[in-house]
């Protein structure tokens, strides 16, 4: 038997624990507070596959029955249909293979296969914000209106200032939402972090260029560009985002997405990635009643890492 198969058998955990482990890899990238984002999905998957671990042998029929339940659990968690289909196909192909059938503990092997695929989908290695560029490093925040971009911008600025000891400038490019610029200015004052002065009448691309110039003149390490969103995806927003990217040449383009996005997550992530080229995803409101599907869907569709997760509206 191949060495990697033997290794799988030795370390195969029970279904009751394995999915909490897989999802904790994601949760560890944001707040230290425990989140309930994946609790329901983790419990369902654990319950489904625990029933396989007590059996001495598995048939293809047993595996297919379990995969149908896994498929249902993922769809109920708002994982997109295409992502679910691909996930189930990969798991089933491995689960009905000769290595599992001949295994001493076939049930645990199936649990381990599902676990490994979840880890692969979410990203096995945590990736942080990349600041490896000539300062000031521009970071562009994109997303729909109401996703928490402005609060997330302030949270990220606080993190970079306090933890990474970087000098940060925040700039609001939202010339549409009433008091959007003032909201960021207030957050900046509360956190003692600089914000770009507001100049009435400027367009987003002009503000982006002014922010980068101010960043250079002021000796800033990082410039955070808080772009405007819309309530729904539209061409005007995407064109503006592309123009801002061309003007500022951001080192990071982060999609800020509400964990409650659900089935719309795929279209949201794919659209932004195609137009502006995402480098990462930030999930907000993971302490809400979301079901985890947005994280799995966006990561699977774009291949981009979930770099941060956020809880609550406060900047701490």
Protein backbone atom coordinates (compact mmCIF):
# COMPACT_ATOMS: atom_id res chain seq x y z
CA UNK A 1 0.00 0.00 0.00
CA UNK A 2 1.24 3.50 -0.81
CA UNK A 3 2.93 5.46 2.02
CA UNK A 4 0.46 8.35 1.85
CA UNK A 5 -2.43 5.95 2.33
CA UNK A 6 -0.83 4.44 5.40
CA UNK A 7 -0.26 7.92 6.76
CA UNK A 8 -3.92 8.74 6.18
CA UNK A 9 -5.01 5.73 8.18
CA UNK A 10 -2.72 6.51 11.09
CA UNK A 11 -3.93 10.10 11.47
CA UNK A 12 -7.56 9.72 10.45
CA UNK A 13 -9.62 11.53 13.13
CA UNK A 14 -13.25 10.87 13.94
CA UNK A 15 -16.00 12.71 12.11
CA UNK A 16 -17.07 14.31 15.36
CA UNK A 17 -13.81 16.28 15.55
CA UNK A 18 -12.45 16.53 12.07
CA UNK A 19 -14.67 19.26 10.64
CA UNK A 20 -14.15 21.57 13.59
CA UNK A 21 -10.44 21.20 12.88
CA UNK A 22 -10.86 21.97 9.19
CA UNK A 23 -12.99 25.06 9.76
CA UNK A 24 -10.82 26.31 12.64
CA UNK A 25 -8.05 26.82 10.06
CA UNK A 26 -10.21 29.56 8.57
CA UNK A 27 -11.44 31.01 11.85
CA UNK A 28 -7.89 31.37 13.08
CA UNK A 29 -7.20 34.00 10.43
CA UNK A 30 -9.49 36.59 11.93
CA UNK A 31 -10.74 37.20 15.43
CA UNK A 32 -9.60 35.15 18.40
CA UNK A 33 -13.24 34.97 19.40
CA UNK A 34 -15.02 31.74 18.68
CA UNK A 35 -17.43 32.04 15.75
CA UNK A 36 -20.48 29.99 14.97
CA UNK A 37 -20.16 30.37 11.21
CA UNK A 38 -19.41 26.71 10.55
CA UNK A 39 -20.87 25.09 13.66
CA UNK A 40 -24.05 23.82 12.01
CA UNK A 41 -22.30 22.51 8.90
CA UNK A 42 -19.56 20.92 10.98
CA UNK A 43 -22.08 19.08 13.15
CA UNK A 44 -24.06 17.85 10.14
CA UNK A 45 -21.02 16.54 8.29
CA UNK A 46 -19.66 14.95 11.44
CA UNK A 47 -22.97 13.20 12.11
CA UNK A 48 -23.29 11.91 8.55
CA UNK A 49 -19.80 10.47 8.35
CA UNK A 50 -19.63 9.18 11.91
CA UNK A 51 -22.17 6.59 10.82
CA UNK A 52 -19.59 5.20 8.39
CA UNK A 53 -16.76 4.82 10.89
CA UNK A 54 -18.39 2.02 12.87
CA UNK A 55 -18.67 -0.29 9.88
CA UNK A 56 -16.13 -2.97 9.11
CA UNK A 57 -16.59 -2.66 5.35
CA UNK A 58 -18.05 -0.14 2.94
CA UNK A 59 -19.76 -0.69 -0.39
CA UNK A 60 -20.09 1.79 -3.21
CA UNK A 61 -23.76 2.05 -2.26
CA UNK A 62 -22.80 3.09 1.29
CA UNK A 63 -20.49 5.80 -0.05
CA UNK A 64 -23.11 7.10 -2.49
CA UNK A 65 -25.71 7.32 0.29
CA UNK A 66 -23.30 9.29 2.47
CA UNK A 67 -22.36 11.59 -0.41
CA UNK A 68 -26.03 12.40 -1.03
CA UNK A 69 -26.35 13.53 2.58
CA UNK A 70 -23.11 15.52 2.39
CA UNK A 71 -24.41 17.18 -0.77
CA UNK A 72 -27.64 18.12 0.97
CA UNK A 73 -25.76 19.51 3.99
CA UNK A 74 -23.53 21.68 1.79
CA UNK A 75 -26.48 23.03 -0.22
CA UNK A 76 -28.35 23.83 2.99
CA UNK A 77 -25.26 25.76 4.10
CA UNK A 78 -25.63 27.91 0.95
CA UNK A 79 -22.60 26.51 -0.83
CA UNK A 80 -23.17 27.07 -4.56
CA UNK A 81 -24.42 24.14 -6.62
CA UNK A 82 -21.40 24.08 -8.96
CA UNK A 83 -18.99 24.05 -6.03
CA UNK A 84 -20.96 21.26 -4.33
CA UNK A 85 -20.97 19.13 -7.49
CA UNK A 86 -17.23 19.49 -7.95
CA UNK A 87 -16.56 18.77 -4.27
CA UNK A 88 -18.70 15.62 -4.22
CA UNK A 89 -17.13 14.33 -7.44
CA UNK A 90 -13.62 14.68 -6.02
CA UNK A 91 -14.54 13.03 -2.74
CA UNK A 92 -16.47 10.17 -4.36
CA UNK A 93 -13.68 9.40 -6.80
CA UNK A 94 -11.28 8.89 -3.91
CA UNK A 95 -13.80 7.27 -1.57
CA UNK A 96 -14.68 4.41 -3.92
CA UNK A 97 -11.07 3.79 -4.84
CA UNK A 98 -9.31 0.52 -4.08
CA UNK A 99 -7.23 2.10 -1.32
CA UNK A 100 -10.36 2.84 0.70
CA UNK A 101 -12.13 -0.43 -0.03
CA UNK A 102 -9.08 -2.42 1.08
CA UNK A 103 -8.42 -0.21 4.09
CA UNK A 104 -8.68 -1.66 7.59
CA UNK A 105 -10.78 1.37 8.60
CA UNK A 106 -12.66 2.45 5.45
CA UNK A 107 -15.11 4.69 7.33
CA UNK A 108 -12.32 6.75 8.85
CA UNK A 109 -10.63 6.94 5.48
CA UNK A 110 -13.75 8.52 3.96
CA UNK A 111 -13.92 11.01 6.84
CA UNK A 112 -10.29 11.93 6.24
CA UNK A 113 -10.87 12.36 2.50
CA UNK A 114 -13.77 14.77 3.12
CA UNK A 115 -11.68 16.63 5.68
CA UNK A 116 -8.74 16.97 3.28
CA UNK A 117 -10.98 18.28 0.51
CA UNK A 118 -12.51 20.87 2.85
CA UNK A 119 -9.04 22.02 3.86
CA UNK A 120 -8.00 22.20 0.20
CA UNK A 121 -11.11 24.21 -0.62
CA UNK A 122 -10.59 26.70 2.21
CA UNK A 123 -6.83 26.79 1.74
CA UNK A 124 -4.43 24.67 3.75
CA UNK A 125 -2.07 27.55 4.50
CA UNK A 126 -3.19 30.82 6.05
CA UNK A 127 -2.17 33.86 3.99
CA UNK A 128 -1.91 37.29 5.52
CA UNK A 129 -1.96 40.76 3.99
CA UNK A 130 1.06 41.13 1.70
CA UNK A 131 3.04 44.29 2.39
CA UNK A 132 6.12 43.20 0.48
CA UNK A 133 6.28 46.16 -1.89
CA UNK A 134 7.78 49.62 -2.12
CA UNK A 135 5.91 51.93 0.32
CA UNK A 136 3.40 53.34 0.38
CA UNK A 137 1.72 50.00 -0.33
CA UNK A 138 -1.76 50.60 -1.76
CA UNK A 139 -4.52 48.24 -0.63
CA UNK A 140 -7.88 48.52 -2.40
CA UNK A 141 -11.06 47.47 -0.61
CA UNK A 142 -13.98 46.46 -2.84
CA UNK A 143 -17.44 45.00 -2.30
CA UNK A 144 -21.15 45.70 -2.24
CA UNK A 145 -22.70 48.49 -0.21
CA UNK A 146 -23.43 47.29 3.31
CA UNK A 147 -20.77 44.58 3.33
CA UNK A 148 -18.77 46.45 5.96
CA UNK A 149 -15.97 47.90 3.78
CA UNK A 150 -15.51 51.10 5.76
CA UNK A 151 -15.49 49.39 9.16
CA UNK A 152 -13.19 46.70 7.78
CA UNK A 153 -10.86 49.37 6.40
CA UNK A 154 -10.61 50.89 9.87
CA UNK A 155 -10.11 47.48 11.50
CA UNK A 156 -7.33 46.63 9.06
CA UNK A 157 -5.70 50.03 9.62
CA UNK A 158 -5.78 49.44 13.37
CA UNK A 159 -4.26 45.97 12.95
CA UNK A 160 -1.48 47.22 10.68
CA UNK A 161 -0.75 50.14 13.02
CA UNK A 162 -0.80 48.33 16.35
CA UNK A 163 0.39 44.84 15.46
CA UNK A 164 2.66 45.48 12.47
CA UNK A 165 3.81 48.96 13.51
CA UNK A 166 3.06 50.47 10.11
CA UNK A 167 2.18 54.07 9.39
CA UNK A 168 -1.21 53.95 7.67
CA UNK A 169 -3.24 56.46 5.68
CA UNK A 170 -6.93 55.76 5.02
CA UNK A 171 -8.78 57.33 2.10
CA UNK A 172 -12.50 57.20 1.31
CA UNK A 173 -13.30 57.05 -2.40
CA UNK A 174 -17.05 56.84 -1.82
CA UNK A 175 -18.47 60.04 -3.29
CA UNK A 176 -22.02 58.64 -3.44
CA UNK A 177 -23.12 57.43 -0.02
CA UNK A 178 -24.10 60.30 2.28
CA UNK A 179 -21.47 60.92 4.98
CA UNK A 180 -19.34 57.96 3.83
CA UNK A 181 -16.16 60.05 3.84
CA UNK A 182 -17.01 61.55 7.20
CA UNK A 183 -17.62 58.07 8.62
CA UNK A 184 -14.06 57.04 7.79
CA UNK A 185 -12.72 60.34 9.12
CA UNK A 186 -14.50 59.76 12.45
CA UNK A 187 -13.12 56.22 12.67
CA UNK A 188 -9.68 57.60 11.93
CA UNK A 189 -9.93 60.15 14.72
CA UNK A 190 -11.17 57.52 17.15
CA UNK A 191 -8.24 55.23 16.31
CA UNK A 192 -5.69 58.04 15.92
CA UNK A 193 -5.01 56.95 12.34
CA UNK A 194 -4.62 59.48 9.52
CA UNK A 195 -7.31 59.91 6.88
CA UNK A 196 -7.01 61.77 3.60
CA UNK A 197 -8.57 65.26 3.86
CA UNK A 198 -11.89 65.54 2.06
CA UNK A 199 -11.91 67.70 -1.08
CA UNK A 200 -15.38 68.33 -2.45
CA UNK A 201 -16.03 67.62 -6.12
CA UNK A 202 -13.22 65.16 -6.76
CA UNK A 203 -13.91 61.88 -8.53
CA UNK A 204 -12.79 58.49 -7.13
CA UNK A 205 -9.79 58.15 -9.46
CA UNK A 206 -8.64 61.65 -8.56
CA UNK A 207 -8.93 60.84 -4.86
CA UNK A 208 -6.97 57.62 -5.35
CA UNK A 209 -4.12 59.48 -7.06
CA UNK A 210 -4.15 62.19 -4.38
CA UNK A 211 -4.06 59.52 -1.66
CA UNK A 212 -1.01 57.86 -3.20
CA UNK A 213 0.75 61.20 -3.54
CA UNK A 214 -0.07 62.07 0.08
CA UNK A 215 1.20 58.65 1.11
CA UNK A 216 4.54 59.30 -0.55
CA UNK A 217 4.92 62.83 0.76
CA UNK A 218 3.88 61.83 4.29
CA UNK A 219 6.16 58.82 4.55
CA UNK A 220 3.31 56.34 4.98
CA UNK A 221 3.88 52.60 4.77
CA UNK A 222 0.35 51.69 3.67
CA UNK A 223 -2.52 53.50 1.93
CA UNK A 224 -5.97 51.92 2.34
CA UNK A 225 -8.45 52.83 -0.41
CA UNK A 226 -12.07 52.42 0.72
CA UNK A 227 -14.05 52.28 -2.53
CA UNK A 228 -17.76 52.85 -3.06
CA UNK A 229 -20.18 49.96 -3.40
CA UNK A 230 -23.67 49.50 -4.74
CA UNK A 231 -26.62 47.55 -3.40
CA UNK A 232 -26.25 45.14 -6.33
CA UNK A 233 -23.59 44.35 -8.92
CA UNK A 234 -23.66 46.75 -11.84
CA UNK A 235 -21.41 47.80 -14.71
CA UNK A 236 -20.92 51.34 -13.39
CA UNK A 237 -19.42 50.05 -10.13
CA UNK A 238 -17.18 47.56 -11.91
CA UNK A 239 -15.94 50.15 -14.41
CA UNK A 240 -15.16 52.55 -11.59
CA UNK A 241 -13.31 49.85 -9.64
CA UNK A 242 -11.24 49.03 -12.73
CA UNK A 243 -10.41 52.71 -13.23
CA UNK A 244 -9.32 53.07 -9.60
CA UNK A 245 -7.11 50.02 -9.90
CA UNK A 246 -5.49 51.50 -13.01
CA UNK A 247 -4.92 54.80 -11.22
CA UNK A 248 -3.53 53.44 -7.93
CA UNK A 249 -1.98 50.11 -9.01
CA UNK A 250 -2.86 48.44 -5.68
CA UNK A 251 -0.63 45.67 -4.33
CA UNK A 252 -3.65 44.02 -2.71
CA UNK A 253 -7.28 44.04 -3.89
CA UNK A 254 -9.47 42.68 -1.11
CA UNK A 255 -13.12 41.72 -1.59
CA UNK A 256 -15.06 42.51 1.57
CA UNK A 257 -18.07 40.20 1.70
CA UNK A 258 -20.81 39.62 4.23
CA UNK A 259 -20.80 36.02 5.52
CA UNK A 260 -24.58 36.09 5.07
CA UNK A 261 -24.23 36.55 1.29
CA UNK A 262 -25.37 32.98 0.62
CA UNK A 263 -25.84 31.75 -2.95
CA UNK A 264 -24.98 35.17 -4.42
CA UNK A 265 -21.40 34.77 -3.19
CA UNK A 266 -20.25 33.06 -6.38
CA UNK A 267 -21.45 35.80 -8.74
CA UNK A 268 -20.08 38.49 -6.42
CA UNK A 269 -16.62 36.97 -6.14
CA UNK A 270 -16.37 35.94 -9.79
CA UNK A 271 -17.44 39.38 -11.06
CA UNK A 272 -14.94 41.31 -8.96
CA UNK A 273 -12.16 38.86 -9.71
CA UNK A 274 -12.73 39.11 -13.45
CA UNK A 275 -12.81 42.92 -13.47
CA UNK A 276 -10.21 43.94 -10.90
CA UNK A 277 -8.24 40.78 -10.13
CA UNK A 278 -8.74 39.97 -6.46
CA UNK A 279 -5.80 39.01 -4.28
CA UNK A 280 -7.85 37.98 -1.26
CA UNK A 281 -11.20 37.90 0.51
CA UNK A 282 -12.29 39.38 3.84
CA UNK A 283 -15.41 37.86 5.40
CA UNK A 284 -17.43 40.08 7.72
CA UNK A 285 -20.17 39.29 10.26
CA UNK A 286 -18.99 35.75 10.81
CA UNK A 287 -20.57 35.96 14.26
CA UNK A 288 -24.01 36.16 12.65
CA UNK A 289 -26.34 33.34 11.65
CA UNK A 290 -24.62 32.63 8.31
CA UNK A 291 -24.14 29.02 7.33
CA UNK A 292 -20.60 29.05 5.98
CA UNK A 293 -21.46 28.59 2.32
CA UNK A 294 -20.12 31.98 1.21
CA UNK A 295 -16.61 31.16 2.41
CA UNK A 296 -16.50 27.80 0.67
CA UNK A 297 -18.04 29.13 -2.54
CA UNK A 298 -15.90 32.25 -2.97
CA UNK A 299 -12.67 30.45 -2.16
CA UNK A 300 -13.49 27.61 -4.55
CA UNK A 301 -14.60 29.84 -7.43
CA UNK A 302 -11.80 32.42 -7.33
CA UNK A 303 -8.97 30.35 -5.88
CA UNK A 304 -8.14 33.42 -3.81
CA UNK A 305 -7.39 33.04 -0.08
CA UNK A 306 -9.66 34.20 2.71
CA UNK A 307 -7.15 36.47 4.40
CA UNK A 308 -9.20 37.88 7.25
CA UNK A 309 -12.51 37.34 8.99
CA UNK A 310 -14.33 39.94 11.04
CA UNK A 311 -16.91 39.98 13.78
CA UNK A 312 -19.08 42.84 15.01
CA UNK A 313 -19.21 46.50 14.08
CA UNK A 314 -16.63 47.77 16.56
CA UNK A 315 -13.06 48.37 15.38
CA UNK A 316 -11.56 46.41 18.28
